[in-house]
Amino acid sequence: MYGTFLAGVGKFKEALPYLEKALSVGVVDAAFAIGMTHLTLGDKEQALKYLEDYKRRKPSDGNVDKLIDAIRNGKVEFKRSPS
């Protein structure tokens, strides 16, 4: 996904429309990528919304439960390096 590429190179805000489009056409993993992008941008509420959506769509991914719990308990922190 192009949105994943953009997020991977630090263009988080630019990535979101591409990731949202991918999700709208049924790319389940886009929900996870959107959640992680929001988390990186510091928006934990939106991150949890999309990670919960991903969990509903892909219940076999047990790691997302741990991530959601860590976010809720304040145990996840992203530090972005200066560009």
Protein backbone atom coordinates (compact mmCIF):
# COMPACT_ATOMS: atom_id res chain seq x y z
CA MET A 1 0.00 0.00 0.00
CA TYR A 2 1.29 3.44 -0.89
CA GLY A 3 -0.03 4.79 2.41
CA THR A 4 2.12 2.33 4.33
CA PHE A 5 5.13 3.46 2.32
CA LEU A 6 4.41 7.11 3.12
CA ALA A 7 4.04 6.37 6.81
CA GLY A 8 7.25 4.36 6.71
CA VAL A 9 9.20 7.34 5.40
CA GLY A 10 7.74 9.67 8.02
CA LYS A 11 4.96 11.30 5.99
CA PHE A 12 2.24 10.32 8.43
CA LYS A 13 -0.41 12.93 7.63
CA GLU A 14 0.03 12.40 3.90
CA ALA A 15 -0.37 8.64 4.40
CA LEU A 16 -3.80 8.77 6.03
CA PRO A 17 -5.96 9.44 2.92
CA TYR A 18 -4.31 6.55 1.06
CA LEU A 19 -4.72 4.21 4.02
CA GLU A 20 -8.35 5.25 4.49
CA LYS A 21 -9.02 4.57 0.79
CA ALA A 22 -7.44 1.12 1.12
CA LEU A 23 -9.63 0.38 4.14
CA SER A 24 -12.74 1.53 2.27
CA VAL A 25 -12.09 -1.02 -0.48
CA GLY A 26 -11.60 -3.87 1.99
CA VAL A 27 -7.88 -3.96 2.82
CA VAL A 28 -8.18 -5.13 6.43
CA ASP A 29 -4.55 -4.43 7.33
CA ALA A 30 -5.12 -0.77 6.50
CA ALA A 31 -7.05 -0.41 9.77
CA PHE A 32 -3.94 -1.47 11.67
CA ALA A 33 -1.75 0.90 9.64
CA ILE A 34 -4.16 3.79 10.25
CA GLY A 35 -4.18 3.03 13.96
CA MET A 36 -0.40 2.99 14.12
CA THR A 37 -0.19 6.19 12.09
CA HIS A 38 -2.56 7.99 14.48
CA LEU A 39 -0.59 6.63 17.42
CA THR A 40 2.63 7.97 15.92
CA LEU A 41 0.94 11.35 15.46
CA GLY A 42 -0.02 11.30 19.14
CA ASP A 43 -3.77 10.75 18.68
CA LYS A 44 -4.38 7.79 20.96
CA GLU A 45 -8.17 8.05 20.70
CA GLN A 46 -8.16 7.64 16.92
CA ALA A 47 -5.45 5.00 17.18
CA LEU A 48 -7.61 2.92 19.50
CA LYS A 49 -10.65 3.38 17.24
CA TYR A 50 -8.84 1.92 14.23
CA LEU A 51 -7.00 -0.77 16.18
CA GLU A 52 -10.32 -1.94 17.66
CA ASP A 53 -11.74 -1.99 14.12
CA TYR A 54 -8.77 -4.07 12.98
CA LYS A 55 -9.31 -6.44 15.92
CA ARG A 56 -12.95 -6.95 14.88
CA ARG A 57 -11.98 -7.57 11.27
CA LYS A 58 -9.01 -9.83 12.07
CA PRO A 59 -9.66 -11.53 15.43
CA SER A 60 -6.89 -14.06 14.84
CA ASP A 61 -4.20 -11.41 15.46
CA GLY A 62 -3.58 -11.78 19.18
CA ASN A 63 -0.83 -9.17 19.24
CA VAL A 64 -3.27 -6.34 18.62
CA ASP A 65 -4.92 -7.07 21.99
CA LYS A 66 -1.58 -6.51 23.72
CA LEU A 67 -1.02 -3.29 21.81
CA ILE A 68 -4.49 -1.97 22.65
CA ASP A 69 -3.98 -2.79 26.34
CA ALA A 70 -0.57 -1.11 26.34
CA ILE A 71 -2.00 2.06 24.79
CA ARG A 72 -4.85 2.17 27.29
CA ASN A 73 -2.44 1.67 30.19
CA GLY A 74 -0.03 4.34 28.99
CA LYS A 75 2.75 1.86 28.29
CA VAL A 76 3.24 2.81 24.64
CA GLU A 77 5.20 5.88 23.68
CA PHE A 78 6.47 6.84 20.26
CA LYS A 79 9.44 9.10 19.94
CA ARG A 80 9.89 10.56 16.49
CA SER A 81 13.36 11.50 15.49
CA PRO A 82 13.81 15.03 14.19
CA SER A 83 13.62 15.31 10.42
